[in-house]
C-alpha atoms as a PDB file:
ATOM      1  CA  MET A   1      -0.004   0.009  -0.071  1.00  0.00           C
ATOM      2  CA  CYS A   2       1.246   3.448  -0.874  1.00  0.00           C
ATOM      3  CA  GLN A   3       0.925   6.220   1.671  1.00  0.00           C
ATOM      4  CA  THR A   4       0.519   9.816   0.601  1.00  0.00           C
ATOM      5  CA  ASP A   5       1.030  13.008   2.547  1.00  0.00           C
ATOM      6  CA  LEU A   6      -1.407  15.894   2.256  1.00  0.00           C
ATOM      7  CA  LEU A   7      -1.031  19.612   2.762  1.00  0.00           C
ATOM      8  CA  VAL A   8      -3.899  22.111   2.676  1.00  0.00           C
ATOM      9  CA  VAL A   9      -2.657  25.299   0.898  1.00  0.00           C
ATOM     10  CA  CYS A  10      -4.766  28.438   1.152  1.00  0.00           C
ATOM     11  CA  SER A  11      -4.227  31.546  -1.069  1.00  0.00           C
ATOM     12  CA  ASN A  12      -4.461  35.111   0.120  1.00  0.00           C
ATOM     13  CA  ASN A  13      -7.916  35.430  -1.451  1.00  0.00           C
ATOM     14  CA  GLY A  14      -9.401  32.367   0.069  1.00  0.00           C
ATOM     15  CA  GLU A  15      -8.807  29.733  -2.584  1.00  0.00           C
ATOM     16  CA  VAL A  16      -7.913  26.283  -1.209  1.00  0.00           C
ATOM     17  CA  SER A  17      -5.827  23.493  -2.815  1.00  0.00           C
ATOM     18  CA  TYR A  18      -4.851  20.117  -1.540  1.00  0.00           C
ATOM     19  CA  LEU A  19      -1.285  18.969  -2.237  1.00  0.00           C
ATOM     20  CA  ASN A  20      -1.000  15.169  -2.247  1.00  0.00           C
ATOM     21  CA  THR A  21       2.506  13.767  -2.501  1.00  0.00           C
ATOM     22  CA  LYS A  22       3.868  10.261  -2.577  1.00  0.00           C
ATOM     23  CA  GLU A  23       7.293  11.580  -1.655  1.00  0.00           C
ATOM     24  CA  PRO A  24       7.927  12.150   2.023  1.00  0.00           C
ATOM     25  CA  LEU A  25       6.597  15.533   2.879  1.00  0.00           C
ATOM     26  CA  GLY A  26       9.663  16.350   4.991  1.00  0.00           C
ATOM     27  CA  LYS A  27      11.962  16.170   1.968  1.00  0.00           C
ATOM     28  CA  MET A  28      10.144  19.039   0.175  1.00  0.00           C
ATOM     29  CA  THR A  29      11.784  22.450   0.541  1.00  0.00           C
ATOM     30  CA  VAL A  30       9.965  25.727   1.374  1.00  0.00           C
ATOM     31  CA  LEU A  31      10.935  26.969  -2.167  1.00  0.00           C
ATOM     32  CA  GLN A  32       9.235  23.874  -3.787  1.00  0.00           C
ATOM     33  CA  LEU A  33       6.133  24.545  -1.741  1.00  0.00           C
ATOM     34  CA  LYS A  34       6.146  28.157  -2.818  1.00  0.00           C
ATOM     35  CA  GLN A  35       6.478  27.135  -6.437  1.00  0.00           C
ATOM     36  CA  TYR A  36       3.550  24.817  -6.004  1.00  0.00           C
ATOM     37  CA  ALA A  37       1.411  27.599  -4.476  1.00  0.00           C
ATOM     38  CA  VAL A  38       2.312  30.152  -7.183  1.00  0.00           C
ATOM     39  CA  ASN A  39       1.496  27.618  -9.915  1.00  0.00           C
ATOM     40  CA  THR A  40      -1.765  26.503  -8.218  1.00  0.00           C
ATOM     41  CA  PHE A  41      -3.076  30.068  -7.726  1.00  0.00           C
ATOM     42  CA  PRO A  42      -2.054  31.926 -10.906  1.00  0.00           C
ATOM     43  CA  LYS A  43      -4.932  34.388 -10.518  1.00  0.00           C
ATOM     44  CA  SER A  44      -3.446  35.621  -7.243  1.00  0.00           C
ATOM     45  CA  GLY A  45      -0.541  37.017  -9.382  1.00  0.00           C
ATOM     46  CA  PRO A  46       2.394  36.724  -7.107  1.00  0.00           C
ATOM     47  CA  THR A  47       5.821  35.265  -7.958  1.00  0.00           C
ATOM     48  CA  VAL A  48       7.784  33.044  -5.527  1.00  0.00           C
ATOM     49  CA  ASN A  49       9.619  36.145  -4.272  1.00  0.00           C
ATOM     50  CA  ASP A  50       6.319  37.996  -3.567  1.00  0.00           C
ATOM     51  CA  ILE A  51       4.844  35.470  -1.164  1.00  0.00           C
ATOM     52  CA  ARG A  52       5.422  34.162   2.323  1.00  0.00           C
ATOM     53  CA  LEU A  53       4.184  30.880   3.620  1.00  0.00           C
ATOM     54  CA  ILE A  54       2.878  30.510   7.173  1.00  0.00           C
ATOM     55  CA  VAL A  55       1.996  27.384   9.103  1.00  0.00           C
ATOM     56  CA  GLN A  56       0.439  27.754  12.619  1.00  0.00           C
ATOM     57  CA  ASP A  57       1.627  31.415  12.914  1.00  0.00           C
ATOM     58  CA  GLN A  58       5.174  30.343  11.973  1.00  0.00           C
ATOM     59  CA  PRO A  59       6.640  32.021   8.861  1.00  0.00           C
ATOM     60  CA  LEU A  60       8.605  29.672   6.558  1.00  0.00           C
ATOM     61  CA  ASP A  61      11.361  32.122   5.750  1.00  0.00           C
ATOM     62  CA  ASN A  62      14.239  29.863   4.742  1.00  0.00           C
ATOM     63  CA  ASP A  63      13.589  28.764   1.123  1.00  0.00           C
ATOM     64  CA  SER A  64      16.242  26.105   1.235  1.00  0.00           C
ATOM     65  CA  ALA A  65      14.995  24.505   4.461  1.00  0.00           C
ATOM     66  CA  SER A  66      13.034  21.259   4.233  1.00  0.00           C
ATOM     67  CA  LEU A  67       9.462  21.180   5.564  1.00  0.00           C
ATOM     68  CA  SER A  68      10.767  18.694   8.270  1.00  0.00           C
ATOM     69  CA  GLU A  69      13.038  21.427   9.608  1.00  0.00           C
ATOM     70  CA  TYR A  70       9.852  23.349  10.418  1.00  0.00           C
ATOM     71  CA  ASN A  71       8.262  20.199  11.808  1.00  0.00           C
ATOM     72  CA  ILE A  72       5.475  20.333   9.257  1.00  0.00           C
ATOM     73  CA  LYS A  73       3.335  17.216   9.201  1.00  0.00           C
ATOM     74  CA  SER A  74       0.768  15.765   6.905  1.00  0.00           C
ATOM     75  CA  HIS A  75      -2.573  17.556   6.936  1.00  0.00           C
ATOM     76  CA  ALA A  76      -1.006  20.883   7.988  1.00  0.00           C
ATOM     77  CA  LYS A  77      -2.724  24.089   6.739  1.00  0.00           C
ATOM     78  CA  VAL A  78      -0.337  26.386   4.847  1.00  0.00           C
ATOM     79  CA  GLN A  79      -1.346  29.959   4.353  1.00  0.00           C
ATOM     80  CA  MET A  80       0.047  31.903   1.436  1.00  0.00           C
ATOM     81  CA  VAL A  81       0.234  35.650   1.958  1.00  0.00           C
ATOM     82  CA  ARG A  82       1.872  38.522   0.022  1.00  0.00           C
ATOM     83  CA  LYS A  83       4.975  40.072   1.505  1.00  0.00           C
ATOM     84  CA  VAL A  84       4.564  43.653   2.604  1.00  0.00           C
ATOM     85  CA  ASN A  85       7.351  45.985   1.414  1.00  0.00           C
ATOM     86  CA  GLY A  86       8.832  48.142   4.089  1.00  0.00           C
ATOM     87  CA  GLY A  87       6.572  46.999   6.878  1.00  0.00           C
END
């Protein structure tokens, strides 16, 4: 039997997507998750550099870090928000 991991990704305008992966979730990097979010919500218009991902009030600021470094588990809710310049 093949186990999959699931993340719930929410855009800044309320859209929701479910990321199912057969690869271990912990191996995915923050940058890979940002790329998924940008490609999934093209109407939101941001680029990878324009967004910040947040899980349980914790910003995922290190793009090269794996999700396991942030202790992100299957079924976590990831919020995509636009970065605010100068604030």
